[in-house]
Amino acid sequence: MSHMCSLGPGNKCCYIHCGKTRRNVKGLKLFRFPKDERRRTAWIENCGNPDIANLSSEALIKRHVCSDHFEERFVLSSGKLRNDAVPYKYVHIVEIKAPPPSPPSAQEFESIYIPKFSPDVTKVKLEEPSTSEEYDSLPATKDTCLLDTKIEIATSSKMLNSEKHEVAIKYKLNKMAEHIRWQSKLLSSKRSQISKLKKSRRRYTTLEVFRKAEYISPQSRAIALMQIHTGKKLWTRDERDLAVALFNNSPSAYRFMKQQKIILPGLSTVKKWTTSLRRRTASVSSYKSEIKELESNSDGIEIKQEPLTISE
């Protein structure tokens, strides 16, 4: 009789009634039989597979037992087994099928299920007294009173409904927890946005103070606004004129101010502005000289004006 291991060693578990393979179970770990004779004997006994009981030690080394049959403490984090690892002991469970019980006879049914009433027991109908005097006038009795009461027993349908109710509650709790996590992320995002807006508001307030302040001259206003200048913003006309004037007056002083961390346009930028300004100045001066020369040449020329006649 085959017990899931007679088809050859391969990558198959030899534990009785197992036969798992790496191909069928993803991530399955298989361990070879140990070379130690004492542990190898314990493995054979615990596996409960008679097909491997008479195999030689060389054949047993090619057999495997999967990790499902070992305690977690025997499997190391590296995926290897401890030296003292032994699989679970296989326990053979035998099912004994007993014949169904025969139904009780009529006499047995009466003796078991039908209660016997004592003649001394009387059934009393209780009526609630309306006044306290009626309470006092009630006779004291030791008779037993049998009441027609019903005892509700939890049926399978009620148990199923309660399980469904518990599942619904767990589902709602999970949904609420997920909603809370989402709202927490949204709240943190809103907080970061509020923080950025507060910073930009403080900066905007500072800029407004500089812009709305009263200055002695346009040059003083230009050099003050230069100190809050950002890299992405273009320089204004007053700031460009002031930078060119400072550089033309003293390039060394301009470099010294840059070294003192005073915000000014870069040296290469100022040089470009200066060159462009000189070219424009030269072109304007040459243009003016040409105009003067034309005016001087046109002094000796008389322009005759003929009368305009309109024919009827």
Protein backbone atom coordinates (compact mmCIF):
# COMPACT_ATOMS: atom_id res chain seq x y z
CA MET A 1 0.00 0.00 0.00
CA SER A 2 1.39 3.41 -0.98
CA HIS A 3 1.47 6.28 1.54
CA MET A 4 2.24 9.30 -0.69
CA CYS A 5 6.00 8.56 -0.85
CA SER A 6 6.43 5.45 -2.97
CA LEU A 7 6.73 7.36 -6.26
CA GLY A 8 10.36 8.24 -5.61
CA PRO A 9 12.13 10.85 -3.46
CA GLY A 10 11.94 14.04 -5.49
CA ASN A 11 10.72 17.16 -3.76
CA LYS A 12 7.84 15.50 -1.94
CA CYS A 13 7.00 15.25 1.76
CA CYS A 14 7.20 11.65 3.07
CA TYR A 15 5.03 12.30 6.13
CA ILE A 16 2.04 9.96 6.03
CA HIS A 17 -1.00 11.31 4.15
CA CYS A 18 0.87 14.53 3.23
CA GLY A 19 2.71 14.36 -0.10
CA LYS A 20 3.06 18.16 -0.51
CA THR A 21 5.51 19.42 -3.15
CA ARG A 22 7.16 22.74 -3.90
CA ARG A 23 5.30 22.84 -7.20
CA ASN A 24 1.87 22.57 -5.56
CA VAL A 25 2.55 24.69 -2.45
CA LYS A 26 4.35 27.98 -3.04
CA GLY A 27 7.09 28.74 -0.51
CA LEU A 28 7.07 25.22 0.96
CA LYS A 29 10.24 24.24 2.85
CA LEU A 30 11.43 20.63 2.68
CA PHE A 31 14.05 19.17 5.03
CA ARG A 32 16.15 16.05 4.42
CA PHE A 33 16.32 13.19 6.89
CA PRO A 34 19.26 13.66 9.29
CA LYS A 35 22.42 11.57 9.10
CA ASP A 36 22.38 10.98 12.85
CA GLU A 37 20.96 7.48 13.38
CA ARG A 38 19.14 8.31 16.61
CA ARG A 39 17.35 11.33 15.14
CA ARG A 40 16.71 9.49 11.86
CA THR A 41 14.95 6.72 13.78
CA ALA A 42 12.83 9.28 15.62
CA TRP A 43 11.88 10.91 12.31
CA ILE A 44 10.81 7.54 10.85
CA GLU A 45 8.66 6.72 13.90
CA ASN A 46 7.04 10.16 14.04
CA CYS A 47 6.28 10.26 10.31
CA GLY A 48 4.18 7.09 10.62
CA ASN A 49 4.84 6.08 7.01
CA PRO A 50 5.53 2.32 6.67
CA ASP A 51 7.04 2.84 3.19
CA ILE A 52 10.17 4.47 4.63
CA ALA A 53 10.57 2.17 7.63
CA ASN A 54 12.82 -0.35 5.83
CA LEU A 55 14.79 2.10 3.65
CA SER A 56 18.55 2.34 3.97
CA SER A 57 20.30 5.42 5.32
CA GLU A 58 21.47 6.36 1.80
CA ALA A 59 17.90 6.22 0.49
CA LEU A 60 16.50 8.13 3.46
CA ILE A 61 18.86 11.05 2.87
CA LYS A 62 17.03 11.65 -0.41
CA ARG A 63 13.65 11.78 1.36
CA HIS A 64 12.11 14.98 2.75
CA VAL A 65 9.65 16.19 5.39
CA CYS A 66 7.93 19.56 4.96
CA SER A 67 7.94 22.37 7.53
CA ASP A 68 4.23 21.87 8.35
CA HIS A 69 5.15 18.91 10.56
CA PHE A 70 7.64 20.79 12.79
CA GLU A 71 7.13 23.20 15.64
CA GLU A 72 7.92 26.83 14.86
CA ARG A 73 10.73 26.89 17.41
CA PHE A 74 12.62 24.25 15.41
CA VAL A 75 12.73 26.38 12.22
CA LEU A 76 15.39 29.13 12.35
CA SER A 77 15.06 32.57 10.76
CA SER A 78 17.54 31.49 8.08
CA GLY A 79 15.11 28.75 7.00
CA LYS A 80 17.20 25.88 8.37
CA LEU A 81 16.30 23.35 11.08
CA ARG A 82 17.81 23.13 14.50
CA ASN A 83 20.02 20.14 15.21
CA ASP A 84 17.51 18.72 17.69
CA ALA A 85 14.45 19.18 15.45
CA VAL A 86 11.98 16.27 15.37
CA PRO A 87 8.64 16.23 13.47
CA TYR A 88 5.29 15.89 15.18
CA LYS A 89 4.33 12.39 16.31
CA TYR A 90 1.71 10.94 13.97
CA VAL A 91 -1.36 9.75 15.87
CA HIS A 92 -3.58 7.22 14.10
CA ILE A 93 -7.24 7.92 14.85
CA VAL A 94 -9.68 5.04 14.39
CA GLU A 95 -13.32 5.91 13.78
CA ILE A 96 -15.77 3.54 15.46
CA LYS A 97 -19.19 3.72 13.87
CA ALA A 98 -21.81 2.86 16.48
CA PRO A 99 -25.30 1.80 15.37
CA PRO A 100 -27.98 4.49 15.67
CA PRO A 101 -29.97 4.33 18.93
CA SER A 102 -33.36 2.64 18.71
CA PRO A 103 -36.40 4.78 19.50
CA PRO A 104 -37.81 4.32 23.03
CA SER A 105 -40.94 2.29 23.56
CA ALA A 106 -44.23 3.86 24.65
CA GLN A 107 -43.67 2.82 28.26
CA GLU A 108 -40.13 4.21 28.30
CA PHE A 109 -41.32 7.42 26.64
CA GLU A 110 -43.96 7.94 29.35
CA SER A 111 -41.48 7.29 32.13
CA ILE A 112 -38.90 9.67 30.65
CA TYR A 113 -40.76 12.52 28.95
CA ILE A 114 -44.19 12.72 30.71
CA PRO A 115 -43.91 14.28 34.20
CA LYS A 116 -45.84 12.71 37.04
CA PHE A 117 -47.92 15.11 39.11
CA SER A 118 -48.41 14.61 42.83
CA PRO A 119 -52.02 14.79 44.10
CA ASP A 120 -50.83 17.17 46.81
CA VAL A 121 -49.79 19.74 44.21
CA THR A 122 -52.46 22.21 43.21
CA LYS A 123 -52.39 24.68 40.38
CA VAL A 124 -53.20 28.16 41.64
CA LYS A 125 -54.14 31.09 39.45
CA LEU A 126 -52.43 34.21 40.75
CA GLU A 127 -54.30 37.46 40.64
CA GLU A 128 -52.60 40.73 41.49
CA PRO A 129 -54.31 42.48 44.48
CA SER A 130 -55.37 46.01 43.83
CA THR A 131 -54.97 47.41 47.39
CA SER A 132 -52.65 46.93 50.30
CA GLU A 133 -55.51 45.51 52.41
CA GLU A 134 -55.92 42.68 49.93
CA TYR A 135 -52.18 41.92 50.29
CA ASP A 136 -52.60 41.59 54.05
CA SER A 137 -55.66 39.36 53.70
CA LEU A 138 -53.90 36.81 51.49
CA PRO A 139 -53.61 33.41 53.24
CA ALA A 140 -50.18 32.00 53.92
CA THR A 141 -49.79 28.65 52.09
CA LYS A 142 -46.97 26.23 51.40
CA ASP A 143 -48.53 24.75 48.26
CA THR A 144 -46.36 24.59 45.14
CA CYS A 145 -47.54 26.68 42.23
CA LEU A 146 -46.94 25.49 38.67
CA LEU A 147 -46.86 28.26 36.09
CA ASP A 148 -47.20 27.83 32.36
CA THR A 149 -43.84 29.33 31.33
CA LYS A 150 -41.81 28.82 28.17
CA ILE A 151 -38.05 28.42 28.18
CA GLU A 152 -36.46 29.73 25.01
CA ILE A 153 -33.64 27.55 23.76
CA ALA A 154 -31.11 28.96 21.28
CA THR A 155 -31.76 27.24 17.99
CA SER A 156 -29.33 26.93 15.08
CA SER A 157 -31.10 29.75 13.20
CA LYS A 158 -30.73 32.11 16.18
CA MET A 159 -27.07 31.21 16.53
CA LEU A 160 -26.59 31.86 12.81
CA ASN A 161 -28.27 35.24 13.11
CA SER A 162 -26.05 36.16 16.06
CA GLU A 163 -22.95 35.17 14.06
CA LYS A 164 -24.13 37.28 11.14
CA HIS A 165 -24.69 40.18 13.52
CA GLU A 166 -21.15 39.83 14.90
CA VAL A 167 -19.71 39.71 11.36
CA ALA A 168 -21.67 42.84 10.43
CA ILE A 169 -20.38 44.63 13.54
CA LYS A 170 -16.78 43.64 12.74
CA TYR A 171 -17.23 44.85 9.16
CA LYS A 172 -18.55 48.20 10.38
CA LEU A 173 -15.67 48.52 12.85
CA ASN A 174 -13.13 47.83 10.10
CA LYS A 175 -14.79 50.39 7.83
CA MET A 176 -14.76 52.95 10.65
CA ALA A 177 -11.08 52.26 11.36
CA GLU A 178 -10.25 52.67 7.66
CA HIS A 179 -12.25 55.92 7.55
CA ILE A 180 -10.40 57.19 10.63
CA ARG A 181 -7.02 56.41 9.03
CA TRP A 182 -8.05 58.25 5.86
CA GLN A 183 -9.29 61.26 7.82
CA SER A 184 -6.04 61.31 9.83
CA LYS A 185 -4.00 61.46 6.60
CA LEU A 186 -6.29 64.19 5.26
CA LEU A 187 -5.96 66.13 8.51
CA SER A 188 -2.15 65.97 8.43
CA SER A 189 -2.21 67.20 4.82
CA LYS A 190 -4.47 70.10 5.77
CA ARG A 191 -2.19 70.97 8.68
CA SER A 192 0.83 71.14 6.39
CA GLN A 193 -1.10 73.38 3.98
CA ILE A 194 -2.12 75.67 6.84
CA SER A 195 1.50 75.87 8.01
CA LYS A 196 2.67 76.84 4.50
CA LEU A 197 -0.07 79.47 4.22
CA LYS A 198 0.92 80.96 7.57
CA LYS A 199 4.55 81.22 6.46
CA SER A 200 3.58 82.86 3.16
CA ARG A 201 1.27 85.25 5.06
CA ARG A 202 4.10 86.31 7.37
CA ARG A 203 6.36 86.85 4.37
CA TYR A 204 3.66 88.80 2.53
CA THR A 205 3.16 91.01 5.59
CA THR A 206 6.91 91.73 5.71
CA LEU A 207 6.98 92.64 2.02
CA GLU A 208 4.02 94.97 2.45
CA VAL A 209 5.79 96.76 5.31
CA PHE A 210 8.83 97.38 3.07
CA ARG A 211 6.73 98.48 0.10
CA LYS A 212 4.41 100.85 1.99
CA ALA A 213 7.16 102.50 4.04
CA GLU A 214 8.10 106.13 3.31
CA TYR A 215 11.59 106.63 1.84
CA ILE A 216 13.71 109.75 1.43
CA SER A 217 14.48 109.09 -2.25
CA PRO A 218 13.77 106.55 -4.97
CA GLN A 219 17.34 105.26 -4.60
CA SER A 220 16.89 104.50 -0.89
CA ARG A 221 13.60 102.73 -1.68
CA ALA A 222 15.31 100.70 -4.42
CA ILE A 223 18.19 99.54 -2.20
CA ALA A 224 15.72 98.62 0.59
CA LEU A 225 13.53 96.56 -1.73
CA MET A 226 16.63 94.83 -3.09
CA GLN A 227 17.09 93.18 0.33
CA ILE A 228 13.79 91.27 -0.02
CA HIS A 229 14.35 90.39 -3.67
CA THR A 230 13.84 86.76 -4.70
CA GLY A 231 15.69 84.96 -7.48
CA LYS A 232 12.63 84.44 -9.68
CA LYS A 233 11.57 88.08 -9.69
CA LEU A 234 12.88 90.57 -12.28
CA TRP A 235 14.76 93.66 -11.19
CA THR A 236 12.85 96.92 -11.46
CA ARG A 237 14.04 99.93 -13.49
CA ASP A 238 15.05 101.88 -10.35
CA GLU A 239 17.02 98.90 -9.02
CA ARG A 240 18.83 98.47 -12.35
CA ASP A 241 19.72 102.15 -12.58
CA LEU A 242 20.99 102.18 -8.98
CA ALA A 243 23.14 99.07 -9.53
CA VAL A 244 24.66 100.50 -12.74
CA ALA A 245 25.37 103.82 -11.02
CA LEU A 246 27.07 102.11 -8.06
CA PHE A 247 29.17 99.91 -10.34
CA ASN A 248 30.24 102.77 -12.62
CA ASN A 249 31.10 104.92 -9.62
CA SER A 250 33.27 102.27 -7.91
CA PRO A 251 33.48 98.62 -9.00
CA SER A 252 35.56 97.78 -5.93
CA ALA A 253 32.91 99.28 -3.62
CA TYR A 254 30.25 97.25 -5.45
CA ARG A 255 32.24 94.04 -4.90
CA PHE A 256 32.76 94.96 -1.24
CA MET A 257 28.99 95.40 -0.74
CA LYS A 258 28.41 91.98 -2.33
CA GLN A 259 30.94 90.44 0.07
CA GLN A 260 29.03 91.95 3.00
CA LYS A 261 25.94 89.91 1.94
CA ILE A 262 24.08 92.98 0.69
CA ILE A 263 21.64 91.80 -1.96
CA LEU A 264 22.60 93.39 -5.30
CA PRO A 265 22.44 92.21 -8.91
CA GLY A 266 25.31 89.96 -9.96
CA LEU A 267 28.51 91.40 -11.40
CA SER A 268 27.99 89.79 -14.81
CA THR A 269 24.43 91.15 -14.94
CA VAL A 270 25.57 94.69 -14.07
CA LYS A 271 28.32 94.54 -16.69
CA LYS A 272 25.75 93.56 -19.35
CA TRP A 273 23.52 96.44 -18.30
CA THR A 274 26.47 98.87 -18.41
CA THR A 275 27.53 97.73 -21.89
CA SER A 276 23.98 97.97 -23.18
CA LEU A 277 23.55 101.43 -21.66
CA ARG A 278 26.79 102.67 -23.26
CA ARG A 279 25.68 101.41 -26.65
CA ARG A 280 22.34 103.13 -26.32
CA THR A 281 24.03 106.36 -25.17
CA ALA A 282 26.45 106.27 -28.11
CA SER A 283 23.64 105.66 -30.60
CA VAL A 284 21.58 108.49 -29.11
CA SER A 285 24.52 110.93 -29.20
CA SER A 286 25.30 110.02 -32.83
CA TYR A 287 21.63 110.41 -33.70
CA LYS A 288 21.57 113.86 -32.12
CA SER A 289 24.71 114.92 -34.00
CA GLU A 290 23.16 113.79 -37.29
CA ILE A 291 20.03 115.80 -36.55
CA LYS A 292 22.12 118.91 -35.82
CA GLU A 293 24.07 118.42 -39.02
CA LEU A 294 20.86 118.12 -41.05
CA GLU A 295 19.49 121.25 -39.42
CA SER A 296 22.67 123.19 -40.23
CA ASN A 297 22.60 122.05 -43.87
CA SER A 298 18.97 123.04 -44.32
CA ASP A 299 19.45 126.66 -43.19
CA GLY A 300 20.38 128.00 -46.73
CA ILE A 301 17.56 126.17 -48.53
CA GLU A 302 14.35 128.07 -49.19
CA ILE A 303 11.13 126.16 -49.46
CA LYS A 304 8.73 127.69 -51.95
CA GLN A 305 5.05 127.39 -51.25
CA GLU A 306 2.75 127.54 -54.29
CA PRO A 307 -0.89 128.55 -53.88
CA LEU A 308 -3.39 125.74 -54.04
CA THR A 309 -6.12 126.26 -56.68
CA ILE A 310 -9.39 124.41 -56.63
CA SER A 311 -11.28 124.13 -59.95
CA GLU A 312 -14.95 124.47 -59.82
